[in-house]
Amino acid sequence: MWSAEGWFKVGAIEVTSTVAVVVVGALGLLASVVSSTVPYWLAYAPQFLFSGQVWRLVTWPFADQIGMWSALNLVMLWFFGSELERQTGKRQMALIYAG
């Protein structure tokens, strides 16, 4: 199943699942530049989870410091993820990211 359409458009950009994940990841990296404590508040840590900070179950993938490898990971995700999403479809790719 080949699908080139995204979930919605922002200007001329089709926002697919891969684009959304890469943009959120890039925003997380930029937030870590503004405040070095951002990754601390997003990271998964069971002791904080048990004290009621349940957002950590969802935000842990975005708890990263900016660096060459973090940027390279986002570029590779965009490049290969976009191709995979074209081949599998937007719903299947969203399920892959959610899993």
N, C-alpha and C. Protein backbone atom coordinates (compact mmCIF):
# COMPACT_ATOMS: atom_id res chain seq x y z
N MET A 1 0.85 -1.17 0.00
CA MET A 1 0.00 0.00 0.00
C MET A 1 0.89 1.23 0.00
N TRP A 2 0.81 2.04 -1.02
CA TRP A 2 1.64 3.21 -1.15
C TRP A 2 0.79 4.44 -0.87
N SER A 3 1.28 5.27 0.06
CA SER A 3 0.53 6.47 0.41
C SER A 3 1.48 7.63 0.55
N ALA A 4 1.25 8.70 -0.20
CA ALA A 4 2.11 9.87 -0.13
C ALA A 4 1.47 10.99 0.67
N GLU A 5 0.24 10.80 1.07
CA GLU A 5 -0.43 11.89 1.78
C GLU A 5 -0.22 11.77 3.28
N GLY A 6 -0.13 12.92 3.92
CA GLY A 6 0.08 12.96 5.36
C GLY A 6 -1.23 13.08 6.11
N TRP A 7 -1.10 13.35 7.39
CA TRP A 7 -2.28 13.52 8.24
C TRP A 7 -2.93 14.87 7.99
N PHE A 8 -2.10 15.90 7.79
CA PHE A 8 -2.58 17.24 7.48
C PHE A 8 -1.44 18.02 6.84
N LYS A 9 -1.76 19.23 6.38
CA LYS A 9 -0.75 20.07 5.75
C LYS A 9 -0.52 21.32 6.60
N VAL A 10 0.74 21.75 6.66
CA VAL A 10 1.11 23.03 7.24
C VAL A 10 1.80 23.79 6.12
N GLY A 11 1.06 24.71 5.52
CA GLY A 11 1.58 25.38 4.33
C GLY A 11 1.69 24.38 3.20
N ALA A 12 2.91 24.21 2.67
CA ALA A 12 3.12 23.26 1.58
C ALA A 12 3.67 21.93 2.08
N ILE A 13 3.82 21.78 3.39
CA ILE A 13 4.43 20.58 3.96
C ILE A 13 3.36 19.59 4.40
N GLU A 14 3.44 18.38 3.87
CA GLU A 14 2.57 17.29 4.32
C GLU A 14 3.13 16.76 5.64
N VAL A 15 2.35 16.82 6.69
CA VAL A 15 2.79 16.34 7.99
C VAL A 15 2.41 14.87 8.13
N THR A 16 3.41 14.01 8.00
CA THR A 16 3.22 12.58 8.16
C THR A 16 3.62 12.21 9.58
N SER A 17 3.48 10.96 9.94
CA SER A 17 3.89 10.50 11.27
C SER A 17 5.37 10.72 11.48
N THR A 18 6.17 10.44 10.47
CA THR A 18 7.62 10.60 10.57
C THR A 18 7.99 12.06 10.74
N VAL A 19 7.38 12.94 9.97
CA VAL A 19 7.67 14.37 10.09
C VAL A 19 7.30 14.86 11.48
N ALA A 20 6.17 14.41 12.01
CA ALA A 20 5.75 14.83 13.35
C ALA A 20 6.74 14.37 14.42
N VAL A 21 7.20 13.14 14.33
CA VAL A 21 8.15 12.62 15.32
C VAL A 21 9.48 13.37 15.22
N VAL A 22 9.94 13.64 14.02
CA VAL A 22 11.20 14.36 13.84
C VAL A 22 11.08 15.80 14.36
N VAL A 23 9.96 16.46 14.09
CA VAL A 23 9.77 17.84 14.55
C VAL A 23 9.73 17.88 16.08
N VAL A 24 9.01 16.96 16.70
CA VAL A 24 8.95 16.93 18.16
C VAL A 24 10.34 16.62 18.74
N GLY A 25 11.07 15.72 18.12
CA GLY A 25 12.43 15.43 18.56
C GLY A 25 13.34 16.64 18.44
N ALA A 26 13.23 17.36 17.32
CA ALA A 26 14.05 18.57 17.13
C ALA A 26 13.67 19.64 18.14
N LEU A 27 12.39 19.77 18.43
CA LEU A 27 11.98 20.74 19.45
C LEU A 27 12.53 20.36 20.83
N GLY A 28 12.59 19.07 21.11
CA GLY A 28 13.18 18.61 22.36
C GLY A 28 14.66 18.95 22.45
N LEU A 29 15.37 18.79 21.33
CA LEU A 29 16.79 19.14 21.29
C LEU A 29 16.98 20.64 21.48
N LEU A 30 16.16 21.42 20.81
CA LEU A 30 16.26 22.87 20.96
C LEU A 30 15.90 23.32 22.38
N ALA A 31 14.93 22.66 22.98
CA ALA A 31 14.57 22.99 24.36
C ALA A 31 15.72 22.69 25.32
N SER A 32 16.49 21.65 25.03
CA SER A 32 17.64 21.33 25.89
C SER A 32 18.74 22.37 25.77
N VAL A 33 18.78 23.09 24.65
CA VAL A 33 19.74 24.18 24.50
C VAL A 33 19.32 25.37 25.36
N VAL A 34 18.02 25.66 25.35
CA VAL A 34 17.50 26.79 26.12
C VAL A 34 17.64 26.54 27.61
N SER A 35 17.30 25.33 28.03
CA SER A 35 17.37 24.98 29.45
C SER A 35 17.95 23.57 29.57
N SER A 36 19.06 23.47 30.26
CA SER A 36 19.73 22.16 30.36
C SER A 36 18.97 21.19 31.27
N THR A 37 17.94 21.64 31.96
CA THR A 37 17.17 20.74 32.83
C THR A 37 16.00 20.07 32.11
N VAL A 38 15.73 20.46 30.86
CA VAL A 38 14.61 19.86 30.13
C VAL A 38 14.74 18.34 30.03
N PRO A 39 15.90 17.79 29.62
CA PRO A 39 15.99 16.33 29.57
C PRO A 39 15.75 15.66 30.92
N TYR A 40 16.12 16.33 32.00
CA TYR A 40 15.87 15.78 33.34
C TYR A 40 14.38 15.64 33.60
N TRP A 41 13.58 16.61 33.15
CA TRP A 41 12.13 16.58 33.39
C TRP A 41 11.39 15.65 32.45
N LEU A 42 12.02 15.26 31.35
CA LEU A 42 11.36 14.39 30.38
C LEU A 42 11.77 12.93 30.51
N ALA A 43 12.93 12.67 31.09
CA ALA A 43 13.49 11.32 31.13
C ALA A 43 12.65 10.37 31.98
N TYR A 44 12.69 9.11 31.59
CA TYR A 44 11.99 8.07 32.34
C TYR A 44 12.80 7.70 33.57
N ALA A 45 12.18 7.83 34.73
CA ALA A 45 12.82 7.46 35.99
C ALA A 45 11.73 6.90 36.90
N PRO A 46 11.78 5.59 37.21
CA PRO A 46 10.71 4.97 37.99
C PRO A 46 10.43 5.65 39.32
N GLN A 47 11.46 6.14 40.00
CA GLN A 47 11.22 6.76 41.30
C GLN A 47 10.34 8.00 41.17
N PHE A 48 10.47 8.74 40.07
CA PHE A 48 9.61 9.91 39.87
C PHE A 48 8.25 9.50 39.33
N LEU A 49 8.21 8.44 38.57
CA LEU A 49 6.95 7.93 38.04
C LEU A 49 6.03 7.51 39.18
N PHE A 50 6.58 6.85 40.17
CA PHE A 50 5.79 6.40 41.30
C PHE A 50 5.34 7.56 42.19
N SER A 51 5.98 8.72 42.04
CA SER A 51 5.56 9.87 42.83
C SER A 51 4.56 10.74 42.06
N GLY A 52 4.05 10.26 40.93
CA GLY A 52 2.98 10.93 40.22
C GLY A 52 3.36 11.63 38.93
N GLN A 53 4.61 11.57 38.51
CA GLN A 53 5.04 12.24 37.28
C GLN A 53 4.84 11.29 36.09
N VAL A 54 3.58 11.02 35.76
CA VAL A 54 3.23 10.02 34.76
C VAL A 54 3.57 10.44 33.33
N TRP A 55 3.81 11.73 33.08
CA TRP A 55 4.17 12.16 31.73
C TRP A 55 5.47 11.51 31.26
N ARG A 56 6.27 11.05 32.19
CA ARG A 56 7.56 10.44 31.84
C ARG A 56 7.38 9.15 31.02
N LEU A 57 6.22 8.53 31.09
CA LEU A 57 5.93 7.35 30.28
C LEU A 57 5.90 7.69 28.80
N VAL A 58 5.55 8.91 28.46
CA VAL A 58 5.40 9.33 27.07
C VAL A 58 6.57 10.18 26.59
N THR A 59 7.18 10.95 27.47
CA THR A 59 8.18 11.93 27.04
C THR A 59 9.61 11.41 27.01
N TRP A 60 9.87 10.21 27.48
CA TRP A 60 11.25 9.72 27.56
C TRP A 60 11.99 9.69 26.23
N PRO A 61 11.33 9.45 25.07
CA PRO A 61 12.12 9.46 23.82
C PRO A 61 12.68 10.84 23.47
N PHE A 62 12.12 11.89 24.05
CA PHE A 62 12.53 13.24 23.70
C PHE A 62 13.50 13.84 24.71
N ALA A 63 13.94 13.06 25.67
CA ALA A 63 14.88 13.53 26.69
C ALA A 63 16.30 13.29 26.19
N ASP A 64 16.81 14.24 25.45
CA ASP A 64 18.13 14.07 24.85
C ASP A 64 18.85 15.41 24.84
N GLN A 65 20.14 15.37 25.01
CA GLN A 65 20.96 16.56 24.89
C GLN A 65 21.32 16.76 23.42
N ILE A 66 21.49 17.99 23.03
CA ILE A 66 21.85 18.25 21.64
C ILE A 66 23.29 17.82 21.39
N GLY A 67 23.49 17.22 20.27
CA GLY A 67 24.81 16.73 19.89
C GLY A 67 24.77 16.21 18.47
N MET A 68 25.93 15.85 17.98
CA MET A 68 26.03 15.38 16.61
C MET A 68 25.21 14.10 16.40
N TRP A 69 25.27 13.17 17.35
CA TRP A 69 24.57 11.89 17.19
C TRP A 69 23.07 12.06 17.30
N SER A 70 22.62 12.96 18.15
CA SER A 70 21.18 13.22 18.26
C SER A 70 20.64 13.80 16.96
N ALA A 71 21.37 14.76 16.39
CA ALA A 71 20.96 15.35 15.11
C ALA A 71 21.01 14.31 14.00
N LEU A 72 22.05 13.49 13.99
CA LEU A 72 22.15 12.44 12.97
C LEU A 72 21.01 11.43 13.09
N ASN A 73 20.63 11.10 14.30
CA ASN A 73 19.49 10.19 14.50
C ASN A 73 18.22 10.76 13.90
N LEU A 74 17.98 12.05 14.09
CA LEU A 74 16.78 12.67 13.53
C LEU A 74 16.82 12.70 12.01
N VAL A 75 17.99 12.99 11.44
CA VAL A 75 18.13 13.00 9.98
C VAL A 75 17.88 11.60 9.41
N MET A 76 18.47 10.58 10.03
CA MET A 76 18.28 9.21 9.56
C MET A 76 16.82 8.76 9.72
N LEU A 77 16.20 9.14 10.83
CA LEU A 77 14.79 8.81 11.03
C LEU A 77 13.94 9.45 9.96
N TRP A 78 14.21 10.72 9.66
CA TRP A 78 13.44 11.40 8.62
C TRP A 78 13.65 10.72 7.27
N PHE A 79 14.89 10.44 6.92
CA PHE A 79 15.20 9.87 5.61
C PHE A 79 14.59 8.48 5.45
N PHE A 80 14.92 7.57 6.35
CA PHE A 80 14.45 6.19 6.22
C PHE A 80 13.00 6.03 6.67
N GLY A 81 12.59 6.78 7.69
CA GLY A 81 11.22 6.70 8.16
C GLY A 81 10.22 7.18 7.11
N SER A 82 10.60 8.24 6.38
CA SER A 82 9.71 8.74 5.32
C SER A 82 9.53 7.70 4.22
N GLU A 83 10.61 7.04 3.86
CA GLU A 83 10.52 6.01 2.82
C GLU A 83 9.68 4.82 3.30
N LEU A 84 9.91 4.40 4.52
CA LEU A 84 9.13 3.30 5.06
C LEU A 84 7.66 3.66 5.17
N GLU A 85 7.39 4.90 5.56
CA GLU A 85 6.00 5.34 5.66
C GLU A 85 5.33 5.39 4.29
N ARG A 86 6.06 5.75 3.26
CA ARG A 86 5.49 5.73 1.90
C ARG A 86 5.10 4.31 1.50
N GLN A 87 5.87 3.33 1.94
CA GLN A 87 5.61 1.95 1.56
C GLN A 87 4.54 1.29 2.42
N THR A 88 4.48 1.62 3.70
CA THR A 88 3.55 0.93 4.60
C THR A 88 2.25 1.68 4.82
N GLY A 89 2.26 3.00 4.68
CA GLY A 89 1.07 3.79 4.91
C GLY A 89 1.14 4.53 6.24
N LYS A 90 0.36 5.59 6.33
CA LYS A 90 0.46 6.46 7.50
C LYS A 90 -0.09 5.82 8.78
N ARG A 91 -1.14 5.05 8.66
CA ARG A 91 -1.71 4.42 9.86
C ARG A 91 -0.75 3.37 10.45
N GLN A 92 -0.18 2.57 9.59
CA GLN A 92 0.76 1.53 10.04
C GLN A 92 1.99 2.16 10.66
N MET A 93 2.49 3.25 10.07
CA MET A 93 3.68 3.91 10.61
C MET A 93 3.37 4.55 11.95
N ALA A 94 2.20 5.12 12.11
CA ALA A 94 1.81 5.69 13.40
C ALA A 94 1.77 4.60 14.47
N LEU A 95 1.30 3.42 14.10
CA LEU A 95 1.29 2.29 15.05
C LEU A 95 2.70 1.85 15.41
N ILE A 96 3.60 1.88 14.43
CA ILE A 96 4.99 1.52 14.69
C ILE A 96 5.60 2.50 15.68
N TYR A 97 5.38 3.80 15.47
CA TYR A 97 5.93 4.80 16.39
C TYR A 97 5.29 4.70 17.76
N ALA A 98 4.01 4.43 17.82
CA ALA A 98 3.33 4.31 19.12
C ALA A 98 3.82 3.08 19.89
N GLY A 99 4.17 2.04 19.14
CA GLY A 99 4.64 0.81 19.78
C GLY A 99 6.02 0.94 20.29
